[in-house]
Amino acid sequence: MAKQKIVVKVTMDNEKKIRKALKIAVSLSGVESASFVGSDKTQIAVTGEDVDSVELTTLLRKGVGYTELLSVGPVEEKKPAAAKETNPTVAPLDFTVNPYQYYYGSYGMPYYAY
């Protein structure tokens, strides 16, 4: 499923309710990020996959107070405008490897006791 962005307006009177609202928003499964939006910072934007907007709103109403669901929609993917994809050409390498040649690094030759 695609990522979605949920914007919720929450009435937050003091610092304790602000922290509690963010804690509730982040605690849901599938949430990747939560942030404040809007000029007065009363809106919380939650992004993630498979996030239930009704569950988010219900938990915020129970924990913080008045909550209004403003919007639910897909996340706009930002792509770099000047990104050019180049396919470098790689010349095939011809190595002939002797399968019976071993490299023993710093261990030296193996010692076999008879």
Protein backbone atom coordinates (compact mmCIF):
# COMPACT_ATOMS: atom_id res chain seq x y z
CA MET A 1 0.00 0.00 0.00
CA ALA A 2 1.17 3.56 -0.63
CA LYS A 3 2.22 6.08 1.96
CA GLN A 4 -0.45 8.43 3.16
CA LYS A 5 -0.51 11.74 4.98
CA ILE A 6 -3.12 12.42 7.66
CA VAL A 7 -3.66 15.93 9.02
CA VAL A 8 -5.50 16.23 12.34
CA LYS A 9 -6.46 19.41 14.21
CA VAL A 10 -6.14 19.03 17.98
CA THR A 11 -7.02 21.50 20.72
CA MET A 12 -3.91 21.68 22.87
CA ASP A 13 -3.90 24.08 25.79
CA ASN A 14 -0.61 23.40 27.52
CA GLU A 15 2.77 21.75 26.95
CA LYS A 16 1.68 18.49 28.57
CA LYS A 17 -1.14 17.98 26.06
CA ILE A 18 1.20 18.79 23.15
CA ARG A 19 3.65 16.10 24.22
CA LYS A 20 0.85 13.63 24.87
CA ALA A 21 -0.70 14.23 21.42
CA LEU A 22 2.61 13.60 19.64
CA LYS A 23 3.24 10.52 21.76
CA ILE A 24 -0.16 9.09 20.83
CA ALA A 25 0.34 9.88 17.13
CA VAL A 26 3.74 8.21 16.97
CA SER A 27 2.64 5.14 18.95
CA LEU A 28 0.35 3.85 16.17
CA SER A 29 1.64 1.05 13.99
CA GLY A 30 2.82 2.10 10.53
CA VAL A 31 3.61 5.72 11.45
CA GLU A 32 6.93 6.93 10.06
CA SER A 33 6.81 10.58 11.14
CA ALA A 34 4.63 13.09 12.93
CA SER A 35 5.06 16.85 12.88
CA PHE A 36 3.26 20.09 13.60
CA VAL A 37 1.86 22.04 10.65
CA GLY A 38 -0.03 25.29 10.36
CA SER A 39 0.72 28.75 11.66
CA ASP A 40 -0.62 28.19 15.18
CA LYS A 41 0.83 24.65 15.53
CA THR A 42 -2.52 23.06 16.40
CA GLN A 43 -2.40 20.62 13.50
CA ILE A 44 -0.46 17.36 13.47
CA ALA A 45 0.61 15.76 10.18
CA VAL A 46 1.19 12.01 10.38
CA THR A 47 2.79 10.09 7.50
CA GLY A 48 3.14 6.35 7.11
CA GLU A 49 1.81 3.19 5.55
CA ASP A 50 -1.42 1.48 6.66
CA VAL A 51 -2.20 4.14 9.29
CA ASP A 52 -5.82 4.02 10.45
CA SER A 53 -7.10 7.60 10.54
CA VAL A 54 -10.19 6.72 12.58
CA GLU A 55 -8.08 4.99 15.23
CA LEU A 56 -5.73 7.98 15.37
CA THR A 57 -8.61 10.41 15.81
CA THR A 58 -10.30 8.25 18.46
CA LEU A 59 -7.12 7.87 20.52
CA LEU A 60 -6.42 11.61 20.36
CA ARG A 61 -9.98 12.40 21.46
CA LYS A 62 -9.67 10.05 24.42
CA GLY A 63 -6.22 11.22 25.45
CA VAL A 64 -6.10 14.93 24.64
CA GLY A 65 -9.53 16.34 23.91
CA TYR A 66 -11.29 17.82 20.89
CA THR A 67 -9.86 16.42 17.65
CA GLU A 68 -10.91 17.07 14.07
CA LEU A 69 -9.76 15.01 11.08
CA LEU A 70 -8.85 17.52 8.35
CA SER A 71 -7.44 15.50 5.46
CA VAL A 72 -6.24 12.08 4.38
CA GLY A 73 -4.30 11.72 1.14
CA PRO A 74 -1.26 10.24 -0.56
CA VAL A 75 2.22 11.61 0.11
CA GLU A 76 3.71 13.67 -2.71
CA GLU A 77 7.06 12.16 -3.67
CA LYS A 78 9.73 14.77 -4.29
CA LYS A 79 11.98 13.96 -7.23
CA PRO A 80 15.11 15.94 -8.04
CA ALA A 81 14.52 18.06 -11.13
CA ALA A 82 18.03 17.97 -12.58
CA ALA A 83 18.79 14.31 -11.96
CA LYS A 84 20.13 12.63 -15.05
CA GLU A 85 20.55 8.91 -15.17
CA THR A 86 23.58 7.74 -17.06
CA ASN A 87 24.40 4.17 -17.88
CA PRO A 88 28.15 3.77 -17.80
CA THR A 89 29.52 1.19 -20.17
CA VAL A 90 31.63 -1.41 -18.48
CA ALA A 91 34.06 -3.45 -20.51
CA PRO A 92 34.07 -7.16 -19.66
CA LEU A 93 37.17 -8.30 -17.85
CA ASP A 94 39.01 -11.40 -18.96
CA PHE A 95 40.66 -13.08 -16.01
CA THR A 96 41.84 -16.60 -16.15
CA VAL A 97 41.88 -18.00 -12.65
CA ASN A 98 43.72 -21.13 -11.70
CA PRO A 99 41.30 -23.00 -9.42
CA TYR A 100 44.20 -24.88 -7.76
CA GLN A 101 46.02 -21.76 -6.66
CA TYR A 102 45.33 -20.90 -3.04
CA TYR A 103 46.09 -17.78 -1.05
CA TYR A 104 46.97 -18.33 2.58
CA GLY A 105 47.49 -14.68 3.54
CA SER A 106 49.31 -14.25 6.82
CA TYR A 107 48.82 -17.85 7.95
CA GLY A 108 51.53 -19.30 5.75
CA MET A 109 51.37 -22.78 4.37
CA PRO A 110 49.21 -25.30 6.22
CA TYR A 111 50.98 -27.74 8.46
CA TYR A 112 50.00 -31.38 8.23
CA ALA A 113 51.31 -33.73 10.92
CA TYR A 114 51.59 -37.39 9.89
